[in-house]
Amino acid sequence: MEHRFYSRPPVTLPVVIYHWGIPVDTGRTRDLSIEGAQIEGVGVAFSPNTPLTLELRLDVGGRRKTYVAAVVRYQHGDRIGLLFSEPTREQTEAIRQAIQDTPPAGRANRTAGA
């Protein structure tokens, strides 16, 4: 059973997934917190504990982005659960800002079809 210190509100952001510095897939966040995320639309199989780097595109057009190291906790179909690996203060602040910038109405619409 996972134990989280922070809630993961539904936030949809495009992501690029890197493995050993090579972009291997794209997807979108399903939920996001400063400690981790669930990514959907993943077509590559990852084993638990696989180290990845996630490029989070924080705005429309992807001009604002941050990169954060993560470890795969689980994969179910096209979804993977990630635990961020010691994000920096700048990464944490960028994630926090992205969560705050997501309108509550967008969050409600995002979860309605889930």
Protein backbone atom coordinates (compact mmCIF):
# COMPACT_ATOMS: atom_id res chain seq x y z
CA MET A 1 0.00 0.00 0.00
CA GLU A 2 1.29 3.45 -0.92
CA HIS A 3 1.64 6.08 1.77
CA ARG A 4 1.55 9.63 0.48
CA PHE A 5 2.33 12.78 2.39
CA TYR A 6 0.72 15.06 -0.20
CA SER A 7 -2.59 14.76 -2.05
CA ARG A 8 -2.41 14.35 -5.81
CA PRO A 9 -5.03 16.55 -7.42
CA PRO A 10 -6.07 15.75 -10.98
CA VAL A 11 -3.81 17.86 -13.19
CA THR A 12 -3.29 17.22 -16.90
CA LEU A 13 0.09 18.27 -18.30
CA PRO A 14 1.96 16.86 -21.30
CA VAL A 15 5.14 14.98 -20.42
CA VAL A 16 8.12 13.44 -22.16
CA ILE A 17 9.60 10.37 -20.47
CA TYR A 18 13.37 9.86 -20.61
CA HIS A 19 15.26 6.69 -19.76
CA TRP A 20 19.03 7.08 -19.41
CA GLY A 21 18.80 10.50 -21.07
CA ILE A 22 16.94 9.27 -24.15
CA PRO A 23 13.31 10.28 -24.80
CA VAL A 24 11.39 7.00 -24.93
CA ASP A 25 7.71 7.99 -24.69
CA THR A 26 5.20 10.76 -24.15
CA GLY A 27 2.08 10.93 -22.04
CA ARG A 28 0.16 13.23 -19.75
CA THR A 29 -0.19 13.55 -16.03
CA ARG A 30 -3.38 12.19 -14.57
CA ASP A 31 -2.55 13.51 -11.13
CA LEU A 32 0.40 15.40 -9.72
CA SER A 33 1.98 16.39 -6.42
CA ILE A 34 5.39 17.57 -5.33
CA GLU A 35 6.29 13.97 -4.48
CA GLY A 36 5.07 12.13 -7.57
CA ALA A 37 2.61 11.68 -10.41
CA GLN A 38 0.51 9.21 -12.31
CA ILE A 39 1.15 9.32 -16.06
CA GLU A 40 -1.33 7.99 -18.62
CA GLY A 41 -0.99 7.23 -22.30
CA VAL A 42 2.30 5.38 -21.83
CA GLY A 43 3.08 2.80 -24.51
CA VAL A 44 6.39 1.50 -23.15
CA ALA A 45 6.54 -1.17 -20.43
CA PHE A 46 8.54 -0.17 -17.35
CA SER A 47 9.45 -2.38 -14.39
CA PRO A 48 9.05 -1.14 -10.83
CA ASN A 49 12.11 0.80 -9.60
CA THR A 50 13.13 1.84 -13.12
CA PRO A 51 14.79 5.27 -12.92
CA LEU A 52 13.33 7.83 -15.33
CA THR A 53 13.46 11.55 -15.94
CA LEU A 54 10.19 13.32 -16.55
CA GLU A 55 9.95 16.49 -18.62
CA LEU A 56 6.86 18.31 -17.36
CA ARG A 57 5.53 20.90 -19.80
CA LEU A 58 4.06 23.49 -17.50
CA ASP A 59 2.20 25.70 -19.98
CA VAL A 60 0.37 25.58 -23.28
CA GLY A 61 2.99 25.32 -25.98
CA GLY A 62 5.54 23.77 -23.63
CA ARG A 63 7.70 26.89 -23.24
CA ARG A 64 7.88 26.47 -19.45
CA LYS A 65 9.16 23.07 -18.45
CA THR A 66 10.97 21.34 -15.66
CA TYR A 67 12.83 18.04 -15.53
CA VAL A 68 12.55 15.81 -12.49
CA ALA A 69 14.11 12.43 -11.70
CA ALA A 70 11.62 9.74 -10.75
CA VAL A 71 11.33 6.04 -10.01
CA VAL A 72 8.56 3.82 -11.36
CA ARG A 73 6.43 2.46 -8.50
CA TYR A 74 3.89 0.56 -10.64
CA GLN A 75 2.44 0.19 -14.12
CA HIS A 76 -1.14 -0.77 -14.96
CA GLY A 77 -1.90 -0.81 -18.66
CA ASP A 78 -1.03 2.60 -20.09
CA ARG A 79 -0.57 4.23 -16.66
CA ILE A 80 2.56 4.44 -14.53
CA GLY A 81 2.92 5.69 -10.97
CA LEU A 82 6.07 7.66 -10.29
CA LEU A 83 7.81 8.76 -7.11
CA PHE A 84 10.01 11.82 -7.62
CA SER A 85 13.61 11.36 -6.49
CA GLU A 86 14.62 14.28 -4.29
CA PRO A 87 13.28 17.16 -6.40
CA THR A 88 15.12 20.45 -6.03
CA ARG A 89 13.50 23.52 -4.54
CA GLU A 90 13.10 24.96 -8.06
CA GLN A 91 11.44 21.78 -9.36
CA THR A 92 9.15 21.62 -6.34
CA GLU A 93 8.12 25.25 -6.83
CA ALA A 94 7.49 24.73 -10.56
CA ILE A 95 5.26 21.70 -9.81
CA ARG A 96 3.44 23.57 -7.05
CA GLN A 97 2.81 26.48 -9.44
CA ALA A 98 1.54 24.14 -12.18
CA ILE A 99 -0.94 22.61 -9.73
CA GLN A 100 -2.14 26.07 -8.65
CA ASP A 101 -2.44 27.23 -12.28
CA THR A 102 -4.82 24.38 -13.16
CA PRO A 103 -8.35 25.78 -12.91
CA PRO A 104 -10.69 23.87 -10.59
CA ALA A 105 -13.26 23.64 -13.41
CA GLY A 106 -10.64 21.94 -15.57
CA ARG A 107 -9.95 19.51 -12.75
CA ALA A 108 -13.67 18.68 -12.44
CA ASN A 109 -13.99 18.12 -16.19
CA ARG A 110 -10.84 16.01 -16.17
CA THR A 111 -12.19 13.64 -13.52
CA ALA A 112 -15.75 13.41 -14.87
CA GLY A 113 -14.76 10.85 -17.50
CA ALA A 114 -12.41 8.88 -15.26
